Amino acid sequence: MSGVTGTGRAGGPPAATDTGALSAHRERRLRLVLVLNVAIVVGEAGAGLWARSLGLLADAGHNLVDVGAVVLALGAVRWARRPPDAARSFGYHRGTVLAAQANAAGILAATALILFESARRLADPRPVAGGVVLVVAVVAFAVNAASALLLHEAEHDLNMRGAWLHMAADAGASLGVAAGGAVILVTGGYERIDPLVSVVISLLIGWQGWKLLRSTGEVLLESTPRGIDVAEVADAVRAVPGVEDVHDMHVWSLSSDMRALSAHVIVEGHPTLKEAQVVGTRVKQALAGPFRIAHATLELECEGCVDDGTWCAIAGGSRRRADPGGPGRA
């Protein structure tokens, strides 16, 4: 029996205008954050050189990475809106994941450079103008915190999460630099606290960068999305009226906002094509709401697959199919 493919949520497909409005809203927020961070980079770099503060220069360096991160995220948001074509039939949704991965790599590279310079400064501490450090770091904290609030959203978009992570981490970093500046200002010494703060900042941001890099790798490897229990999805399919069993099921993410599924669904009896299509529509509706699966491709069968193992399983992987004599497993 022929396969059935489709997109949408229970009750109908997702509205393109809603997706476009969300994308445009993200673009406006990213543009505003970009302007704020360019200003912070210029201010912190100038003040850091004048005050001889590695903490400020480290924070300026992270904010410079932030500028690149926001530019990448902004470009990815615009890229993802491009329609599918013959060469990329799924569209450009993975562009946001690639941007998030590049941002994660940039975070790790900046972390390594700042750790290296911090080690040098710990071995050879230099005088630091604590008052200047304190004032500039407090201003930077306010701007970074505002940027993080602008980028925060309930949706778990990796691209926006990458940009938000830069802002949130730098808000914390600026607060740490301000604390270091206050200690130097009050005590008149303890110059080593400036590179020590840089080490703590770098380790914190580097850890978050590694977690983001791992998350993007899972999407690109087409791993089962986090929060999805494959057995639970299979049970939901089997609970649909007219479905006998399901096998050879795969769930993956095209992007943070779009999940896809493919499966072989065994329908009860020997229905007509029209009757089978009704069952297929019910299955897609059962998947769209609770599991947020927007694109489902189903192969409807009257009997379980009978093959030599070459077309009903992924080469090199385990073969998952229904047991003709009993309940099957996805």
C-alpha atoms as a PDB file:
ATOM      1  CA  MET A   1       0.000   0.000   0.000  1.00  0.00           C
ATOM      2  CA  SER A   2       1.325   3.439  -0.820  1.00  0.00           C
ATOM      3  CA  GLY A   3       2.959   5.641   1.758  1.00  0.00           C
ATOM      4  CA  VAL A   4       1.383   8.766   3.203  1.00  0.00           C
ATOM      5  CA  THR A   5       3.323  11.902   3.962  1.00  0.00           C
ATOM      6  CA  GLY A   6       2.204  15.097   5.563  1.00  0.00           C
ATOM      7  CA  THR A   7       2.811  17.943   7.951  1.00  0.00           C
ATOM      8  CA  GLY A   8       0.803  19.623  10.615  1.00  0.00           C
ATOM      9  CA  ARG A   9      -0.596  19.520  14.070  1.00  0.00           C
ATOM     10  CA  ALA A  10      -3.778  17.976  15.296  1.00  0.00           C
ATOM     11  CA  GLY A  11      -6.634  19.667  13.514  1.00  0.00           C
ATOM     12  CA  GLY A  12      -4.531  20.963  10.622  1.00  0.00           C
ATOM     13  CA  PRO A  13      -1.097  22.088   9.492  1.00  0.00           C
ATOM     14  CA  PRO A  14       0.877  24.696  11.378  1.00  0.00           C
ATOM     15  CA  ALA A  15       0.093  28.168  10.147  1.00  0.00           C
ATOM     16  CA  ALA A  16       2.907  29.518   7.981  1.00  0.00           C
ATOM     17  CA  THR A  17       2.051  33.040   9.099  1.00  0.00           C
ATOM     18  CA  ASP A  18       2.647  32.074  12.760  1.00  0.00           C
ATOM     19  CA  THR A  19       6.067  30.648  11.926  1.00  0.00           C
ATOM     20  CA  GLY A  20       6.935  33.696   9.853  1.00  0.00           C
ATOM     21  CA  ALA A  21       5.816  36.059  12.632  1.00  0.00           C
ATOM     22  CA  LEU A  22       7.973  34.207  15.188  1.00  0.00           C
ATOM     23  CA  SER A  23      10.968  34.376  12.856  1.00  0.00           C
ATOM     24  CA  ALA A  24      10.472  38.100  12.228  1.00  0.00           C
ATOM     25  CA  HIS A  25      10.144  38.741  15.985  1.00  0.00           C
ATOM     26  CA  ARG A  26      13.391  36.869  16.608  1.00  0.00           C
ATOM     27  CA  GLU A  27      15.119  38.898  13.903  1.00  0.00           C
ATOM     28  CA  ARG A  28      14.062  42.222  15.464  1.00  0.00           C
ATOM     29  CA  ARG A  29      15.322  41.161  18.896  1.00  0.00           C
ATOM     30  CA  LEU A  30      18.637  39.966  17.472  1.00  0.00           C
ATOM     31  CA  ARG A  31      19.180  43.267  15.642  1.00  0.00           C
ATOM     32  CA  LEU A  32      18.672  45.257  18.848  1.00  0.00           C
ATOM     33  CA  VAL A  33      21.017  42.972  20.808  1.00  0.00           C
ATOM     34  CA  LEU A  34      23.640  43.330  18.058  1.00  0.00           C
ATOM     35  CA  VAL A  35      23.684  47.124  18.408  1.00  0.00           C
ATOM     36  CA  LEU A  36      23.964  46.900  22.208  1.00  0.00           C
ATOM     37  CA  ASN A  37      26.878  44.464  22.061  1.00  0.00           C
ATOM     38  CA  VAL A  38      28.894  46.428  19.513  1.00  0.00           C
ATOM     39  CA  ALA A  39      28.703  49.394  21.912  1.00  0.00           C
ATOM     40  CA  ILE A  40      29.810  47.213  24.847  1.00  0.00           C
ATOM     41  CA  VAL A  41      32.798  45.780  22.952  1.00  0.00           C
ATOM     42  CA  VAL A  42      34.105  49.243  22.071  1.00  0.00           C
ATOM     43  CA  GLY A  43      33.590  50.563  25.598  1.00  0.00           C
ATOM     44  CA  GLU A  44      35.086  47.579  27.447  1.00  0.00           C
ATOM     45  CA  ALA A  45      38.075  47.208  25.127  1.00  0.00           C
ATOM     46  CA  GLY A  46      38.986  50.885  25.477  1.00  0.00           C
ATOM     47  CA  ALA A  47      38.522  50.878  29.248  1.00  0.00           C
ATOM     48  CA  GLY A  48      40.383  47.579  29.633  1.00  0.00           C
ATOM     49  CA  LEU A  49      43.438  48.882  27.782  1.00  0.00           C
ATOM     50  CA  TRP A  50      43.422  52.124  29.772  1.00  0.00           C
ATOM     51  CA  ALA A  51      42.934  50.403  33.143  1.00  0.00           C
ATOM     52  CA  ARG A  52      45.242  47.450  32.247  1.00  0.00           C
ATOM     53  CA  SER A  53      42.473  45.055  33.308  1.00  0.00           C
ATOM     54  CA  LEU A  54      42.582  41.561  31.839  1.00  0.00           C
ATOM     55  CA  GLY A  55      39.120  41.002  33.322  1.00  0.00           C
ATOM     56  CA  LEU A  56      37.667  43.815  31.220  1.00  0.00           C
ATOM     57  CA  LEU A  57      39.589  42.704  28.133  1.00  0.00           C
ATOM     58  CA  ALA A  58      38.392  39.146  28.683  1.00  0.00           C
ATOM     59  CA  ASP A  59      34.821  40.362  28.971  1.00  0.00           C
ATOM     60  CA  ALA A  60      35.286  42.510  25.852  1.00  0.00           C
ATOM     61  CA  GLY A  61      36.628  39.448  24.065  1.00  0.00           C
ATOM     62  CA  HIS A  62      33.572  37.431  25.021  1.00  0.00           C
ATOM     63  CA  ASN A  63      31.339  40.287  23.918  1.00  0.00           C
ATOM     64  CA  LEU A  64      33.171  40.383  20.588  1.00  0.00           C
ATOM     65  CA  VAL A  65      32.398  36.678  20.230  1.00  0.00           C
ATOM     66  CA  ASP A  66      28.837  37.640  21.113  1.00  0.00           C
ATOM     67  CA  VAL A  67      28.727  40.067  18.198  1.00  0.00           C
ATOM     68  CA  GLY A  68      29.775  37.280  15.852  1.00  0.00           C
ATOM     69  CA  ALA A  69      27.307  34.937  17.539  1.00  0.00           C
ATOM     70  CA  VAL A  70      24.416  37.347  17.070  1.00  0.00           C
ATOM     71  CA  VAL A  71      25.379  37.952  13.440  1.00  0.00           C
ATOM     72  CA  LEU A  72      25.413  34.189  12.877  1.00  0.00           C
ATOM     73  CA  ALA A  73      22.084  33.724  14.641  1.00  0.00           C
ATOM     74  CA  LEU A  74      20.552  36.591  12.688  1.00  0.00           C
ATOM     75  CA  GLY A  75      21.762  35.180   9.382  1.00  0.00           C
ATOM     76  CA  ALA A  76      20.481  31.724  10.307  1.00  0.00           C
ATOM     77  CA  VAL A  77      17.009  33.050  11.167  1.00  0.00           C
ATOM     78  CA  ARG A  78      16.795  34.719   7.757  1.00  0.00           C
ATOM     79  CA  TRP A  79      18.255  31.663   6.002  1.00  0.00           C
ATOM     80  CA  ALA A  80      15.778  29.272   7.618  1.00  0.00           C
ATOM     81  CA  ARG A  81      12.894  31.258   6.104  1.00  0.00           C
ATOM     82  CA  ARG A  82      13.987  30.372   2.577  1.00  0.00           C
ATOM     83  CA  PRO A  83      11.552  27.947   0.918  1.00  0.00           C
ATOM     84  CA  PRO A  84      12.574  24.357   0.039  1.00  0.00           C
ATOM     85  CA  ASP A  85      13.957  23.737  -3.421  1.00  0.00           C
ATOM     86  CA  ALA A  86      14.894  20.745  -5.574  1.00  0.00           C
ATOM     87  CA  ALA A  87      18.344  20.465  -3.968  1.00  0.00           C
ATOM     88  CA  ARG A  88      17.143  20.939  -0.364  1.00  0.00           C
ATOM     89  CA  SER A  89      13.675  19.442  -0.167  1.00  0.00           C
ATOM     90  CA  PHE A  90      13.526  19.848   3.632  1.00  0.00           C
ATOM     91  CA  GLY A  91      14.354  23.531   3.334  1.00  0.00           C
ATOM     92  CA  TYR A  92      17.026  25.375   5.289  1.00  0.00           C
ATOM     93  CA  HIS A  93      15.975  24.565   8.851  1.00  0.00           C
ATOM     94  CA  ARG A  94      19.394  23.093   9.682  1.00  0.00           C
ATOM     95  CA  GLY A  95      20.950  26.530   9.125  1.00  0.00           C
ATOM     96  CA  THR A  96      19.981  27.521  12.664  1.00  0.00           C
ATOM     97  CA  VAL A  97      21.631  24.372  14.046  1.00  0.00           C
ATOM     98  CA  LEU A  98      24.840  25.041  12.099  1.00  0.00           C
ATOM     99  CA  ALA A  99      24.899  28.611  13.433  1.00  0.00           C
ATOM    100  CA  ALA A 100      24.492  27.327  16.994  1.00  0.00           C
ATOM    101  CA  GLN A 101      27.329  24.846  16.440  1.00  0.00           C
ATOM    102  CA  ALA A 102      29.610  27.595  15.107  1.00  0.00           C
ATOM    103  CA  ASN A 103      28.754  29.740  18.131  1.00  0.00           C
ATOM    104  CA  ALA A 104      29.623  26.878  20.470  1.00  0.00           C
ATOM    105  CA  ALA A 105      32.990  26.405  18.741  1.00  0.00           C
ATOM    106  CA  GLY A 106      33.659  30.135  19.037  1.00  0.00           C
ATOM    107  CA  ILE A 107      32.938  30.052  22.766  1.00  0.00           C
ATOM    108  CA  LEU A 108      35.399  27.198  23.282  1.00  0.00           C
ATOM    109  CA  ALA A 109      38.119  28.935  21.233  1.00  0.00           C
ATOM    110  CA  ALA A 110      37.722  32.199  23.187  1.00  0.00           C
ATOM    111  CA  THR A 111      37.819  30.255  26.449  1.00  0.00           C
ATOM    112  CA  ALA A 112      41.146  28.633  25.535  1.00  0.00           C
ATOM    113  CA  LEU A 113      42.738  31.984  24.596  1.00  0.00           C
ATOM    114  CA  ILE A 114      41.613  33.743  27.775  1.00  0.00           C
ATOM    115  CA  LEU A 115      42.767  30.857  29.988  1.00  0.00           C
ATOM    116  CA  PHE A 116      46.210  31.074  28.365  1.00  0.00           C
ATOM    117  CA  GLU A 117      46.484  34.821  28.958  1.00  0.00           C
ATOM    118  CA  SER A 118      45.139  34.458  32.519  1.00  0.00           C
ATOM    119  CA  ALA A 119      47.930  32.003  33.326  1.00  0.00           C
ATOM    120  CA  ARG A 120      50.472  34.565  32.137  1.00  0.00           C
ATOM    121  CA  ARG A 121      48.945  37.321  34.248  1.00  0.00           C
ATOM    122  CA  LEU A 122      48.828  35.110  37.344  1.00  0.00           C
ATOM    123  CA  ALA A 123      52.562  34.506  36.976  1.00  0.00           C
ATOM    124  CA  ASP A 124      53.246  38.203  36.333  1.00  0.00           C
ATOM    125  CA  PRO A 125      50.464  40.362  37.867  1.00  0.00           C
ATOM    126  CA  ARG A 126      50.150  43.983  36.757  1.00  0.00           C
ATOM    127  CA  PRO A 127      48.554  47.024  38.409  1.00  0.00           C
ATOM    128  CA  VAL A 128      44.828  47.383  37.690  1.00  0.00           C
ATOM    129  CA  ALA A 129      42.656  50.521  37.981  1.00  0.00           C
ATOM    130  CA  GLY A 130      39.922  49.026  40.140  1.00  0.00           C
ATOM    131  CA  GLY A 131      37.538  52.013  39.947  1.00  0.00           C
ATOM    132  CA  VAL A 132      37.432  52.040  36.154  1.00  0.00           C
ATOM    133  CA  VAL A 133      36.984  48.261  36.090  1.00  0.00           C
ATOM    134  CA  LEU A 134      34.073  48.464  38.537  1.00  0.00           C
ATOM    135  CA  VAL A 135      32.160  51.195  36.672  1.00  0.00           C
ATOM    136  CA  VAL A 136      32.585  49.738  33.191  1.00  0.00           C
ATOM    137  CA  ALA A 137      31.778  46.190  34.348  1.00  0.00           C
ATOM    138  CA  VAL A 138      28.545  47.332  36.032  1.00  0.00           C
ATOM    139  CA  VAL A 139      27.440  49.071  32.825  1.00  0.00           C
ATOM    140  CA  ALA A 140      28.352  45.963  30.815  1.00  0.00           C
ATOM    141  CA  PHE A 141      26.363  43.789  33.227  1.00  0.00           C
ATOM    142  CA  ALA A 142      23.268  45.950  32.759  1.00  0.00           C
ATOM    143  CA  VAL A 143      23.512  45.797  28.961  1.00  0.00           C
ATOM    144  CA  ASN A 144      24.212  42.045  28.863  1.00  0.00           C
ATOM    145  CA  ALA A 145      21.366  41.313  31.279  1.00  0.00           C
ATOM    146  CA  ALA A 146      18.983  43.369  29.127  1.00  0.00           C
ATOM    147  CA  SER A 147      20.197  41.510  26.028  1.00  0.00           C
ATOM    148  CA  ALA A 148      19.656  38.145  27.710  1.00  0.00           C
ATOM    149  CA  LEU A 149      16.109  39.126  28.643  1.00  0.00           C
ATOM    150  CA  LEU A 150      15.451  40.197  25.042  1.00  0.00           C
ATOM    151  CA  LEU A 151      16.599  36.833  23.682  1.00  0.00           C
ATOM    152  CA  HIS A 152      14.997  34.563  26.270  1.00  0.00           C
ATOM    153  CA  GLU A 153      11.993  32.594  25.046  1.00  0.00           C
ATOM    154  CA  ALA A 154       9.971  29.561  26.042  1.00  0.00           C
ATOM    155  CA  GLU A 155      10.715  27.720  22.786  1.00  0.00           C
ATOM    156  CA  HIS A 156      13.819  25.509  22.839  1.00  0.00           C
ATOM    157  CA  ASP A 157      15.427  26.851  19.654  1.00  0.00           C
ATOM    158  CA  LEU A 158      19.148  25.973  19.610  1.00  0.00           C
ATOM    159  CA  ASN A 159      20.020  29.026  17.537  1.00  0.00           C
ATOM    160  CA  MET A 160      18.332  31.444  19.954  1.00  0.00           C
ATOM    161  CA  ARG A 161      19.639  29.416  22.901  1.00  0.00           C
ATOM    162  CA  GLY A 162      23.181  29.875  21.582  1.00  0.00           C
ATOM    163  CA  ALA A 163      22.756  33.646  21.323  1.00  0.00           C
ATOM    164  CA  TRP A 164      20.993  33.804  24.713  1.00  0.00           C
ATOM    165  CA  LEU A 165      23.765  31.720  26.289  1.00  0.00           C
ATOM    166  CA  HIS A 166      26.356  34.257  25.176  1.00  0.00           C
ATOM    167  CA  MET A 167      24.371  37.093  26.728  1.00  0.00           C
ATOM    168  CA  ALA A 168      23.489  35.334  29.990  1.00  0.00           C
ATOM    169  CA  ALA A 169      27.041  34.080  30.517  1.00  0.00           C
ATOM    170  CA  ASP A 170      28.511  37.502  29.819  1.00  0.00           C
ATOM    171  CA  ALA A 171      26.080  39.119  32.243  1.00  0.00           C
ATOM    172  CA  GLY A 172      27.464  36.811  34.916  1.00  0.00           C
ATOM    173  CA  ALA A 173      31.000  37.460  33.683  1.00  0.00           C
ATOM    174  CA  SER A 174      30.555  41.229  33.920  1.00  0.00           C
ATOM    175  CA  LEU A 175      29.232  40.842  37.444  1.00  0.00           C
ATOM    176  CA  GLY A 176      32.330  38.815  38.337  1.00  0.00           C
ATOM    177  CA  VAL A 177      34.649  41.432  36.832  1.00  0.00           C
ATOM    178  CA  ALA A 178      32.810  44.138  38.782  1.00  0.00           C
ATOM    179  CA  ALA A 179      33.338  42.186  41.998  1.00  0.00           C
ATOM    180  CA  GLY A 180      37.050  41.865  41.212  1.00  0.00           C
ATOM    181  CA  GLY A 181      37.284  45.597  40.493  1.00  0.00           C
ATOM    182  CA  ALA A 182      35.574  46.381  43.794  1.00  0.00           C
ATOM    183  CA  VAL A 183      38.063  44.233  45.730  1.00  0.00           C
ATOM    184  CA  ILE A 184      41.026  45.928  44.032  1.00  0.00           C
ATOM    185  CA  LEU A 185      39.513  49.383  44.647  1.00  0.00           C
ATOM    186  CA  VAL A 186      38.848  48.749  48.340  1.00  0.00           C
ATOM    187  CA  THR A 187      42.101  46.935  49.197  1.00  0.00           C
ATOM    188  CA  GLY A 188      44.433  48.765  46.828  1.00  0.00           C
ATOM    189  CA  GLY A 189      45.991  45.442  45.880  1.00  0.00           C
ATOM    190  CA  TYR A 190      45.189  41.817  45.136  1.00  0.00           C
ATOM    191  CA  GLU A 191      45.860  42.333  41.406  1.00  0.00           C
ATOM    192  CA  ARG A 192      45.816  38.582  40.915  1.00  0.00           C
ATOM    193  CA  ILE A 193      42.066  38.566  41.513  1.00  0.00           C
ATOM    194  CA  ASP A 194      41.586  40.094  38.033  1.00  0.00           C
ATOM    195  CA  PRO A 195      43.030  37.097  36.104  1.00  0.00           C
ATOM    196  CA  LEU A 196      41.431  34.716  38.627  1.00  0.00           C
ATOM    197  CA  VAL A 197      38.013  36.178  37.790  1.00  0.00           C
ATOM    198  CA  SER A 198      38.874  35.693  34.108  1.00  0.00           C
ATOM    199  CA  VAL A 199      39.598  32.005  34.736  1.00  0.00           C
ATOM    200  CA  VAL A 200      36.264  31.477  36.506  1.00  0.00           C
ATOM    201  CA  ILE A 201      34.410  33.344  33.750  1.00  0.00           C
ATOM    202  CA  SER A 202      36.097  31.331  31.008  1.00  0.00           C
ATOM    203  CA  LEU A 203      35.455  27.968  32.651  1.00  0.00           C
ATOM    204  CA  LEU A 204      31.792  28.817  33.208  1.00  0.00           C
ATOM    205  CA  ILE A 205      31.225  29.940  29.626  1.00  0.00           C
ATOM    206  CA  GLY A 206      33.348  27.130  28.197  1.00  0.00           C
ATOM    207  CA  TRP A 207      31.222  24.506  29.966  1.00  0.00           C
ATOM    208  CA  GLN A 208      28.028  26.020  28.572  1.00  0.00           C
ATOM    209  CA  GLY A 209      29.636  26.140  25.131  1.00  0.00           C
ATOM    210  CA  TRP A 210      30.449  22.438  25.329  1.00  0.00           C
ATOM    211  CA  LYS A 211      26.861  21.603  26.265  1.00  0.00           C
ATOM    212  CA  LEU A 212      25.572  23.620  23.307  1.00  0.00           C
ATOM    213  CA  LEU A 213      28.058  21.915  20.963  1.00  0.00           C
ATOM    214  CA  ARG A 214      26.871  18.506  22.178  1.00  0.00           C
ATOM    215  CA  SER A 215      23.212  19.453  21.628  1.00  0.00           C
ATOM    216  CA  THR A 216      23.841  20.586  18.054  1.00  0.00           C
ATOM    217  CA  GLY A 217      25.751  17.380  17.374  1.00  0.00           C
ATOM    218  CA  GLU A 218      22.737  15.352  18.477  1.00  0.00           C
ATOM    219  CA  VAL A 219      20.518  17.174  15.970  1.00  0.00           C
ATOM    220  CA  LEU A 220      23.005  16.773  13.120  1.00  0.00           C
ATOM    221  CA  LEU A 221      23.366  13.053  13.927  1.00  0.00           C
ATOM    222  CA  GLU A 222      19.552  12.830  13.753  1.00  0.00           C
ATOM    223  CA  SER A 223      19.297  11.478  17.266  1.00  0.00           C
ATOM    224  CA  THR A 224      15.886  11.047  18.856  1.00  0.00           C
ATOM    225  CA  PRO A 225      14.937  14.510  20.198  1.00  0.00           C
ATOM    226  CA  ARG A 226      15.261  15.021  23.934  1.00  0.00           C
ATOM    227  CA  GLY A 227      11.962  14.577  25.689  1.00  0.00           C
ATOM    228  CA  ILE A 228      10.742  12.017  23.145  1.00  0.00           C
ATOM    229  CA  ASP A 229      10.212   8.442  24.340  1.00  0.00           C
ATOM    230  CA  VAL A 230      10.150   6.268  21.201  1.00  0.00           C
ATOM    231  CA  ALA A 231       8.198   3.518  22.984  1.00  0.00           C
ATOM    232  CA  GLU A 232       5.583   6.061  24.054  1.00  0.00           C
ATOM    233  CA  VAL A 233       5.284   7.330  20.477  1.00  0.00           C
ATOM    234  CA  ALA A 234       4.818   3.774  19.209  1.00  0.00           C
ATOM    235  CA  ASP A 235       2.124   3.137  21.815  1.00  0.00           C
ATOM    236  CA  ALA A 236       0.319   6.302  20.717  1.00  0.00           C
ATOM    237  CA  VAL A 237       0.349   5.070  17.105  1.00  0.00           C
ATOM    238  CA  ARG A 238      -0.955   1.628  18.081  1.00  0.00           C
ATOM    239  CA  ALA A 239      -3.775   3.274  20.044  1.00  0.00           C
ATOM    240  CA  VAL A 240      -5.141   4.903  16.870  1.00  0.00           C
ATOM    241  CA  PRO A 241      -8.307   3.130  15.612  1.00  0.00           C
ATOM    242  CA  GLY A 242      -7.510   1.047  12.548  1.00  0.00           C
ATOM    243  CA  VAL A 243      -3.831   0.501  13.433  1.00  0.00           C
ATOM    244  CA  GLU A 244      -2.629  -3.015  14.165  1.00  0.00           C
ATOM    245  CA  ASP A 245       1.079  -2.329  14.692  1.00  0.00           C
ATOM    246  CA  VAL A 246       4.013  -0.065  13.829  1.00  0.00           C
ATOM    247  CA  HIS A 247       7.673  -0.787  13.112  1.00  0.00           C
ATOM    248  CA  ASP A 248      10.795   0.654  11.484  1.00  0.00           C
ATOM    249  CA  MET A 249      10.032   3.968  13.200  1.00  0.00           C
ATOM    250  CA  HIS A 250      12.468   6.863  13.318  1.00  0.00           C
ATOM    251  CA  VAL A 251      12.071  10.239  15.035  1.00  0.00           C
ATOM    252  CA  TRP A 252      14.530  13.074  14.492  1.00  0.00           C
ATOM    253  CA  SER A 253      14.824  16.864  14.384  1.00  0.00           C
ATOM    254  CA  LEU A 254      15.260  19.051  11.328  1.00  0.00           C
ATOM    255  CA  SER A 255      15.793  21.976  13.693  1.00  0.00           C
ATOM    256  CA  SER A 256      14.866  22.893  17.248  1.00  0.00           C
ATOM    257  CA  ASP A 257      11.407  23.901  16.022  1.00  0.00           C
ATOM    258  CA  MET A 258      10.647  21.018  13.668  1.00  0.00           C
ATOM    259  CA  ARG A 259      10.511  17.309  14.445  1.00  0.00           C
ATOM    260  CA  ALA A 260      10.026  14.619  11.815  1.00  0.00           C
ATOM    261  CA  LEU A 261       9.015  10.969  11.867  1.00  0.00           C
ATOM    262  CA  SER A 262       8.948   8.062   9.446  1.00  0.00           C
ATOM    263  CA  ALA A 263       7.348   4.684  10.165  1.00  0.00           C
ATOM    264  CA  HIS A 264       5.763   1.575   8.690  1.00  0.00           C
ATOM    265  CA  VAL A 265       2.198   1.291   9.990  1.00  0.00           C
ATOM    266  CA  ILE A 266       0.272  -1.979   9.679  1.00  0.00           C
ATOM    267  CA  VAL A 267      -3.440  -1.253   9.267  1.00  0.00           C
ATOM    268  CA  GLU A 268      -6.149  -3.661  10.365  1.00  0.00           C
ATOM    269  CA  GLY A 269      -7.773  -5.858   7.720  1.00  0.00           C
ATOM    270  CA  HIS A 270      -7.447  -5.001   4.047  1.00  0.00           C
ATOM    271  CA  PRO A 271      -8.886  -1.498   3.743  1.00  0.00           C
ATOM    272  CA  THR A 272      -9.277   0.461   0.532  1.00  0.00           C
ATOM    273  CA  LEU A 273      -6.751   3.184  -0.239  1.00  0.00           C
ATOM    274  CA  LYS A 274      -9.269   5.811   0.872  1.00  0.00           C
ATOM    275  CA  GLU A 275      -9.906   4.022   4.175  1.00  0.00           C
ATOM    276  CA  ALA A 276      -6.176   3.574   4.780  1.00  0.00           C
ATOM    277  CA  GLN A 277      -5.581   7.261   4.151  1.00  0.00           C
ATOM    278  CA  VAL A 278      -8.102   8.098   6.866  1.00  0.00           C
ATOM    279  CA  VAL A 279      -6.096   5.929   9.284  1.00  0.00           C
ATOM    280  CA  GLY A 280      -2.890   7.663   8.213  1.00  0.00           C
ATOM    281  CA  THR A 281      -4.427  11.075   8.902  1.00  0.00           C
ATOM    282  CA  ARG A 282      -5.498   9.914  12.379  1.00  0.00           C
ATOM    283  CA  VAL A 283      -1.940   8.767  13.102  1.00  0.00           C
ATOM    284  CA  LYS A 284      -0.487  12.135  12.089  1.00  0.00           C
ATOM    285  CA  GLN A 285      -3.014  13.949  14.273  1.00  0.00           C
ATOM    286  CA  ALA A 286      -2.112  11.704  17.227  1.00  0.00           C
ATOM    287  CA  LEU A 287       1.567  12.537  16.752  1.00  0.00           C
ATOM    288  CA  ALA A 288       1.325  16.269  16.062  1.00  0.00           C
ATOM    289  CA  GLY A 289      -0.218  17.478  19.309  1.00  0.00           C
ATOM    290  CA  PRO A 290       1.468  15.680  22.222  1.00  0.00           C
ATOM    291  CA  PHE A 291       4.826  15.026  20.501  1.00  0.00           C
ATOM    292  CA  ARG A 292       5.080  18.170  18.324  1.00  0.00           C
ATOM    293  CA  ILE A 293       5.924  16.109  15.236  1.00  0.00           C
ATOM    294  CA  ALA A 294       5.292  18.460  12.332  1.00  0.00           C
ATOM    295  CA  HIS A 295       6.307  16.191   9.434  1.00  0.00           C
ATOM    296  CA  ALA A 296       5.296  12.519   9.386  1.00  0.00           C
ATOM    297  CA  THR A 297       5.968  10.101   6.525  1.00  0.00           C
ATOM    298  CA  LEU A 298       4.048   6.843   6.875  1.00  0.00           C
ATOM    299  CA  GLU A 299       4.196   3.643   4.850  1.00  0.00           C
ATOM    300  CA  LEU A 300       0.845   1.917   5.299  1.00  0.00           C
ATOM    301  CA  GLU A 301       0.872  -1.874   5.127  1.00  0.00           C
ATOM    302  CA  CYS A 302      -1.714  -4.667   5.361  1.00  0.00           C
ATOM    303  CA  GLU A 303       0.985  -7.168   6.390  1.00  0.00           C
ATOM    304  CA  GLY A 304       4.340  -6.843   8.089  1.00  0.00           C
ATOM    305  CA  CYS A 305       7.367  -6.302   5.864  1.00  0.00           C
ATOM    306  CA  VAL A 306       8.667  -9.415   4.136  1.00  0.00           C
ATOM    307  CA  ASP A 307      12.143  -8.618   2.869  1.00  0.00           C
ATOM    308  CA  ASP A 308      15.745  -9.773   2.923  1.00  0.00           C
ATOM    309  CA  GLY A 309      16.837  -7.049   5.327  1.00  0.00           C
ATOM    310  CA  THR A 310      17.893  -4.546   2.676  1.00  0.00           C
ATOM    311  CA  TRP A 311      14.975  -2.093   2.601  1.00  0.00           C
ATOM    312  CA  CYS A 312      13.192  -2.334   5.970  1.00  0.00           C
ATOM    313  CA  ALA A 313      16.189  -1.472   8.155  1.00  0.00           C
ATOM    314  CA  ILE A 314      19.082   1.000   8.282  1.00  0.00           C
ATOM    315  CA  ALA A 315      22.310  -0.584   7.027  1.00  0.00           C
ATOM    316  CA  GLY A 316      24.701  -1.278   9.875  1.00  0.00           C
ATOM    317  CA  GLY A 317      22.040  -0.785  12.528  1.00  0.00           C
ATOM    318  CA  SER A 318      19.674  -3.004  14.410  1.00  0.00           C
ATOM    319  CA  ARG A 319      16.580  -4.140  12.590  1.00  0.00           C
ATOM    320  CA  ARG A 320      13.428  -3.075  14.426  1.00  0.00           C
ATOM    321  CA  ARG A 321      10.218  -4.579  13.152  1.00  0.00           C
ATOM    322  CA  ALA A 322       6.982  -5.988  14.433  1.00  0.00           C
ATOM    323  CA  ASP A 323       6.703  -9.600  15.451  1.00  0.00           C
ATOM    324  CA  PRO A 324       3.969 -11.111  13.187  1.00  0.00           C
ATOM    325  CA  GLY A 325       2.971 -13.414  16.016  1.00  0.00           C
ATOM    326  CA  GLY A 326       2.427 -10.776  18.679  1.00  0.00           C
ATOM    327  CA  PRO A 327       2.739  -7.154  19.710  1.00  0.00           C
ATOM    328  CA  GLY A 328       5.544  -5.418  17.894  1.00  0.00           C
ATOM    329  CA  ARG A 329       8.081  -2.882  19.044  1.00  0.00           C
ATOM    330  CA  ALA A 330       9.230   0.236  17.266  1.00  0.00           C
END
